[in-house]
Protein backbone atom coordinates (compact mmCIF):
# COMPACT_ATOMS: atom_id res chain seq x y z
CA MET A 1 68.19 77.33 122.52
CA ARG A 2 64.86 76.51 120.75
CA ILE A 3 62.96 79.00 118.45
CA ASP A 4 59.19 78.22 118.53
CA LEU A 5 57.58 79.20 115.16
CA THR A 6 54.16 78.23 116.24
CA THR A 7 51.21 80.34 115.16
CA SER A 8 51.25 82.29 118.42
CA SER A 9 54.82 83.73 117.56
CA LYS A 10 54.01 84.40 114.04
CA PRO A 11 52.25 87.80 114.43
CA GLU A 12 55.41 88.97 116.13
CA LEU A 13 57.48 87.88 113.38
CA ASP A 14 55.25 89.54 110.89
CA ARG A 15 55.46 92.83 112.90
CA SER A 16 59.15 92.77 113.07
CA GLN A 17 59.64 92.03 109.39
CA ALA A 18 57.05 95.08 108.60
CA SER A 19 58.98 97.43 110.93
CA GLN A 20 62.29 96.36 109.18
CA ASP A 21 60.72 96.70 105.52
CA THR A 22 59.50 100.24 106.72
CA VAL A 23 63.05 101.32 107.70
CA ARG A 24 64.56 99.95 104.63
CA THR A 25 61.99 101.72 102.34
CA GLY A 26 62.07 104.94 104.18
CA GLN A 27 58.27 104.78 104.98
CA ALA A 28 56.44 106.47 108.05
CA GLN A 29 57.84 105.19 111.47
CA PRO A 30 55.63 102.21 113.00
CA GLU A 31 53.07 103.00 115.59
CA GLY A 32 54.42 103.96 118.95
CA ILE A 33 57.85 105.34 117.67
CA ALA A 34 57.83 109.02 117.68
CA ARG A 35 60.00 110.88 115.38
CA ASN A 36 61.76 113.86 116.78
CA ALA A 37 62.81 116.90 114.52
CA ASN A 38 65.59 117.60 117.23
CA ASP A 39 67.04 114.01 116.78
CA VAL A 40 70.67 114.48 115.77
CA ALA A 41 73.32 111.79 114.82
CA GLU A 42 76.94 112.65 115.45
CA LEU A 43 79.69 110.64 114.08
CA SER A 44 82.88 110.10 116.37
CA THR A 45 86.07 111.70 115.05
CA SER A 46 88.08 109.41 117.19
CA SER A 47 88.34 107.13 114.36
CA ASP A 48 90.48 110.00 112.90
CA ALA A 49 92.69 110.03 115.79
CA VAL A 50 93.18 106.28 115.80
CA ALA A 51 93.77 106.25 112.12
CA ALA A 52 96.56 108.98 112.50
CA LEU A 53 98.19 107.12 115.58
CA ARG A 54 98.06 103.96 113.30
CA SER A 55 99.83 105.83 110.50
CA TYR A 56 102.52 107.25 112.85
CA LEU A 57 103.14 103.85 114.39
CA ASP A 58 103.56 102.27 110.98
CA GLY A 59 106.43 104.59 110.36
CA VAL A 60 108.25 103.54 113.80
CA PRO A 61 110.23 100.27 113.32
CA ASP A 62 109.54 97.38 115.30
CA VAL A 63 113.17 96.81 116.28
CA ARG A 64 115.84 99.56 116.98
CA GLY A 65 118.18 98.23 114.43
CA GLN A 66 121.29 100.50 115.60
CA ARG A 67 120.81 99.36 119.38
CA VAL A 68 120.59 95.71 118.39
CA ASP A 69 123.63 96.03 116.22
CA SER A 70 125.61 97.65 119.00
CA LEU A 71 124.47 94.99 121.67
CA ARG A 72 125.44 92.15 119.15
CA GLN A 73 128.95 93.88 118.57
CA MET A 74 129.58 94.17 122.33
CA ILE A 75 128.60 90.51 122.99
CA ALA A 76 130.80 89.56 120.32
CA THR A 77 133.72 91.35 121.61
CA GLY A 78 133.12 90.42 125.17
CA GLN A 79 132.38 94.00 126.17
CA PHE A 80 128.89 93.15 127.20
CA THR A 81 128.38 92.37 130.77
CA VAL A 82 125.37 91.19 132.68
CA SER A 83 124.55 92.86 135.84
CA PRO A 84 122.27 90.63 138.03
CA GLU A 85 121.62 93.58 140.41
CA ARG A 86 120.29 95.79 137.45
CA ILE A 87 118.16 92.97 136.32
CA ALA A 88 116.69 92.49 139.55
CA ASP A 89 116.14 96.19 139.97
CA GLY A 90 114.38 96.32 136.63
CA MET A 91 112.13 93.24 137.69
CA LEU A 92 111.10 94.75 140.89
CA ALA A 93 110.37 98.20 139.34
CA ASP A 94 108.15 96.52 136.86
CA GLY A 95 106.17 94.77 139.33
CA ALA A 96 107.29 91.46 138.16
CA PHE A 97 107.41 90.23 141.73
CA THR A 98 104.59 91.44 143.86
CA GLY A 99 104.89 88.80 146.59
């Protein structure tokens, strides 16, 4: 992309800079922009909901320790058996094979 800073584009840059300066200093609106007394800005409260969910999730462990320990014990004692049918049913239910 090439930016042309020739004299023909200079007035545009000056006008843009002037409007930014006006907004920063709180002066009157530039020409062509009408200010409406009914304009209202509302901040979304969804960020509060996201923060609450994040706080809740921070309290939930990533790994269910008791379940993992139970499965380790079952594997170590030979009580855990793998069911190919159950694995296949789970894969099909999750849509792993959509053919």
